[in-house]
Protein backbone atom coordinates (compact mmCIF):
# COMPACT_ATOMS: atom_id res chain seq x y z
CA MET A 1 185.49 54.36 93.23
CA ASN A 2 184.69 56.90 90.53
CA MET A 3 181.49 57.40 88.54
CA ILE A 4 182.59 55.27 85.57
CA GLU A 5 183.44 52.33 87.82
CA PHE A 6 180.09 52.77 89.56
CA GLU A 7 178.38 52.48 86.19
CA ASP A 8 180.39 49.33 85.41
CA CYS A 9 179.04 47.75 88.59
CA GLY A 10 175.49 48.31 87.39
CA LEU A 11 174.56 50.69 90.20
CA PHE A 12 172.76 53.00 87.78
CA ASP A 13 169.78 50.70 87.51
CA TYR A 14 166.20 51.73 86.74
CA SER A 15 164.80 49.40 89.41
CA ILE A 16 167.01 51.01 92.06
CA GLU A 17 165.99 54.49 90.90
CA ALA A 18 162.31 53.55 91.02
CA ILE A 19 162.59 52.14 94.53
CA GLU A 20 164.47 55.21 95.71
CA ARG A 21 161.84 57.53 94.27
CA GLU A 22 159.16 55.63 96.16
CA ILE A 23 161.17 55.73 99.40
CA ILE A 24 161.63 59.49 99.07
CA TYR A 25 157.97 59.99 98.17
CA ARG A 26 156.75 58.11 101.23
CA TYR A 27 159.24 59.85 103.49
CA LYS A 28 158.30 63.33 102.27
CA SER A 29 154.56 62.92 101.80
CA THR A 30 153.33 61.05 104.84
CA ARG A 31 155.93 60.77 107.62
CA CYS A 32 153.56 58.11 108.92
CA TYR A 33 154.53 54.62 107.89
CA GLU A 34 152.77 51.32 107.71
CA SER A 35 154.42 48.51 109.65
CA ASP A 36 155.84 46.90 106.51
CA ASP A 37 157.07 50.01 104.70
CA ASP A 38 160.67 49.12 105.51
CA TYR A 39 160.48 46.41 102.85
CA LEU A 40 161.43 49.06 100.28
CA LEU A 41 164.73 49.68 102.07
CA ALA A 42 165.29 45.94 102.39
CA LEU A 43 164.62 45.39 98.68
CA ARG A 44 166.90 48.25 97.65
CA ARG A 45 169.63 46.98 99.98
CA SER A 46 169.44 43.47 98.52
CA ILE A 47 169.68 44.66 94.90
CA ILE A 48 172.60 47.02 95.55
CA ASN A 49 174.56 44.63 97.74
CA LYS A 50 174.24 41.82 95.20
CA LYS A 51 175.79 44.08 92.56
CA VAL A 52 178.51 45.39 94.88
CA LEU A 53 179.53 41.99 96.23
CA ALA A 54 180.31 40.90 92.68
CA HIS A 55 182.98 43.65 92.56
CA GLN A 56 184.28 43.63 96.13
CA LYS A 57 187.90 44.27 95.21
CA ASP A 58 186.95 47.63 93.66
CA PHE A 59 185.29 48.73 96.90
CA LEU A 60 187.98 47.56 99.36
CA PRO A 61 189.75 50.96 99.72
CA ASP A 62 186.48 52.62 100.72
CA ILE A 63 185.55 49.77 103.07
CA ILE A 64 188.92 50.11 104.81
CA ALA A 65 188.72 53.91 105.01
CA PHE A 66 185.19 53.77 106.41
CA ASN A 67 186.10 51.13 109.00
CA ASP A 68 189.04 53.28 110.16
CA ALA A 69 186.90 56.44 110.35
CA LEU A 70 184.16 54.65 112.26
CA ARG A 71 186.67 53.17 114.71
CA GLU A 72 188.10 56.65 115.37
CA ALA A 73 184.64 58.15 115.90
CA LEU A 74 183.71 55.39 118.34
CA ARG A 75 187.01 55.82 120.19
CA GLU A 76 186.31 59.54 120.64
CA MET A 77 182.79 58.75 121.86
CA TYR A 78 184.05 56.06 124.23
CA ASP A 79 186.71 58.35 125.74
CA ARG A 80 184.31 61.28 126.04
CA ALA A 81 181.67 59.13 127.74
CA HIS A 82 184.25 57.89 130.26
CA ARG A 83 185.41 61.44 131.03
CA ILE A 84 181.87 62.65 131.64
CA TRP A 85 180.99 59.58 133.70
CA ASP A 86 184.06 59.89 135.90
CA LYS A 87 183.31 63.56 136.62
CA MET A 88 179.71 62.76 137.45
CA ILE A 89 180.64 59.99 139.84
CA ASP A 90 183.08 62.29 141.63
CA ALA A 91 180.46 65.03 141.94
CA ILE A 92 177.50 63.00 143.17
CA ASP A 93 177.05 62.48 146.88
CA GLU A 94 176.89 58.74 147.47
CA GLY A 95 174.48 59.28 150.32
CA ASP A 96 171.76 61.15 148.42
CA GLY A 97 170.06 58.00 147.15
CA GLU A 98 170.24 58.96 143.47
CA GLU A 99 171.18 56.58 140.70
CA ILE A 100 172.51 57.82 137.38
CA GLU A 101 172.79 56.25 133.96
CA LEU A 102 174.79 57.53 131.00
CA THR A 103 174.12 56.35 127.47
CA ALA A 104 176.40 57.09 124.51
CA LYS A 105 175.28 56.63 120.90
CA CYS A 106 176.98 57.19 117.56
CA TYR A 107 175.17 58.14 114.36
CA PHE A 108 176.07 59.12 110.82
CA ASP A 109 176.34 62.83 110.16
CA ALA A 110 173.00 64.25 109.02
CA ASP A 111 174.46 65.41 105.69
CA TYR A 112 174.60 63.08 102.70
CA PRO A 113 178.20 61.85 102.22
CA VAL A 114 180.12 64.23 99.94
CA LEU A 115 182.43 61.41 98.84
CA HIS A 116 179.60 59.32 97.41
CA PRO A 117 180.01 58.95 93.63
CA ILE A 118 176.29 59.50 93.11
CA GLN A 119 175.28 63.09 93.84
CA GLY A 120 172.05 64.90 93.03
CA ASP A 121 169.21 67.05 94.29
CA ASP A 122 167.33 64.06 95.71
CA ARG A 123 170.26 62.49 97.58
CA GLN A 124 169.80 64.43 100.82
CA ALA A 125 166.13 63.45 101.01
CA LEU A 126 167.07 59.82 100.40
CA TRP A 127 169.70 60.03 103.15
CA TYR A 128 167.12 61.38 105.61
CA ALA A 129 164.84 58.47 104.74
CA LEU A 130 167.58 55.85 105.06
CA CYS A 131 168.49 57.19 108.51
CA ASP A 132 164.90 57.43 109.69
CA GLU A 133 164.24 55.23 112.73
CA ASP A 134 160.74 54.32 111.53
CA LEU A 135 162.01 53.02 108.19
CA ASN A 136 165.34 51.70 109.54
CA PRO A 137 164.40 50.74 113.12
CA LEU A 138 167.65 49.09 114.23
CA TYR A 139 169.39 52.42 113.58
CA ALA A 140 167.23 54.18 116.18
CA ASP A 141 169.91 53.78 118.88
CA GLY A 142 172.81 54.36 116.53
CA ILE A 143 175.41 52.35 114.72
CA SER A 144 176.31 50.07 117.62
CA VAL A 145 172.79 48.63 118.15
CA LEU A 146 173.76 47.96 121.78
CA THR A 147 174.58 51.36 123.23
CA LEU A 148 177.53 52.14 125.49
CA THR A 149 175.79 52.48 128.85
CA PHE A 150 177.20 53.24 132.29
CA PRO A 151 177.32 51.86 134.92
CA ARG A 152 176.58 48.63 133.02
CA ASP A 153 179.63 48.97 130.73
CA GLU A 154 182.14 50.51 133.14
CA GLY A 155 184.43 47.51 132.81
CA CYS A 156 184.05 47.20 129.04
CA THR A 157 187.31 47.91 127.23
CA PHE A 158 187.28 49.72 123.90
CA ASP A 159 188.43 46.55 122.12
CA SER A 160 185.50 44.70 123.65
CA PHE A 161 183.07 47.46 122.63
CA ILE A 162 184.13 47.22 118.97
CA GLY A 163 184.39 43.42 119.01
CA MET A 164 188.15 43.17 118.71
CA ASP A 165 188.58 40.96 121.78
CA CYS A 166 187.50 37.75 120.06
CA PRO A 167 189.38 35.46 117.64
CA PRO A 168 189.71 36.34 114.86
CA PRO A 169 189.27 40.08 115.36
CA ASN A 170 187.51 40.61 112.04
CA TRP A 171 183.76 40.96 111.52
CA ASN A 172 183.73 40.21 107.79
CA GLU A 173 180.73 37.90 107.63
CA GLY A 174 179.02 38.16 104.23
CA LEU A 175 182.12 39.49 102.47
CA ASP A 176 184.76 37.59 100.52
CA PRO A 177 186.74 35.82 103.28
CA VAL A 178 190.01 35.91 101.33
CA LEU A 179 189.85 39.54 100.20
CA THR A 180 188.85 40.78 103.66
CA LYS A 181 190.74 38.38 105.92
CA ASP A 182 193.16 41.02 107.24
CA LEU A 183 190.87 44.06 107.40
CA HIS A 184 189.98 43.90 111.13
CA LEU A 185 186.43 45.06 110.44
CA ILE A 186 184.77 46.05 113.70
CA SER A 187 181.46 44.74 115.00
CA GLN A 188 179.71 48.02 114.23
CA PHE A 189 180.62 47.56 110.55
CA HIS A 190 178.99 44.13 110.79
CA ASN A 191 175.87 45.66 112.36
CA LEU A 192 175.50 48.12 109.49
CA PHE A 193 176.20 45.58 106.77
CA GLN A 194 174.29 42.59 108.08
CA HIS A 195 171.55 43.84 110.38
CA MET A 196 170.44 47.31 109.31
CA LEU A 197 168.75 48.37 106.10
CA PHE A 198 171.60 50.41 104.63
CA ALA A 199 173.16 49.19 101.40
CA ILE A 200 176.93 48.88 101.72
CA THR A 201 177.44 51.82 99.34
CA ASP A 202 175.28 54.01 101.58
CA PHE A 203 177.80 53.98 104.40
CA ILE A 204 181.30 53.19 103.12
CA TYR A 205 181.64 56.79 101.88
CA VAL A 206 180.76 58.28 105.28
CA ARG A 207 183.62 59.98 107.11
CA ASN A 208 181.69 62.21 109.51
CA PHE A 209 179.69 61.10 112.52
CA ARG A 210 177.79 62.61 115.41
CA THR A 211 177.45 61.32 118.95
CA GLU A 212 174.76 61.68 121.58
CA ILE A 213 175.42 61.32 125.30
CA ASN A 214 172.32 61.21 127.47
CA ILE A 215 172.23 61.26 131.26
CA GLU A 216 169.31 60.10 133.35
CA ILE A 217 169.03 60.63 137.09
CA ILE A 218 166.86 58.11 138.90
CA LYS A 219 165.68 59.08 142.38
């Protein structure tokens, strides 16, 4: 979607700009939040999503492209986690009494999405705030909410991890059921759209991700 179409959807709105300025101000000035400060993100999300959902057809190409990019990033993380886990299991002496746990998490890239139609000097600061675990607490462990953790998830297939092992394999709750019926949106898309405090236009332009794999040895 280009800038003109973005304007047609009403996403250049003074109320949104005012909320974003306040979010950035609080993020930059205090870095110490009150327990209810996340209401600003929730309010912004509600306003933007209401406008976007009235023009869903215009946003479908970006929704599809994001879902595909996220699936690929999660596949790479899933495969990498399995490779590391398998090597660790082979290397550890079963008789030494140690237990190990591997946790894999996927996050958005730290840089503001270059594909986003709205660009400006304040966008990176806003992106930092949106991805902050104090303001957006469900994002603290990444996009999946429930992390990929071994040995707990050793038998979890990739399709199960992304929610594609249930009928119908399409997590499109909250979107137009007819327009999105064949999109095969994964459960992590659903987490971002329904449960976290990102507006849909915050993430559908993301194409780059980062992963974290943490290993804990328990004696």
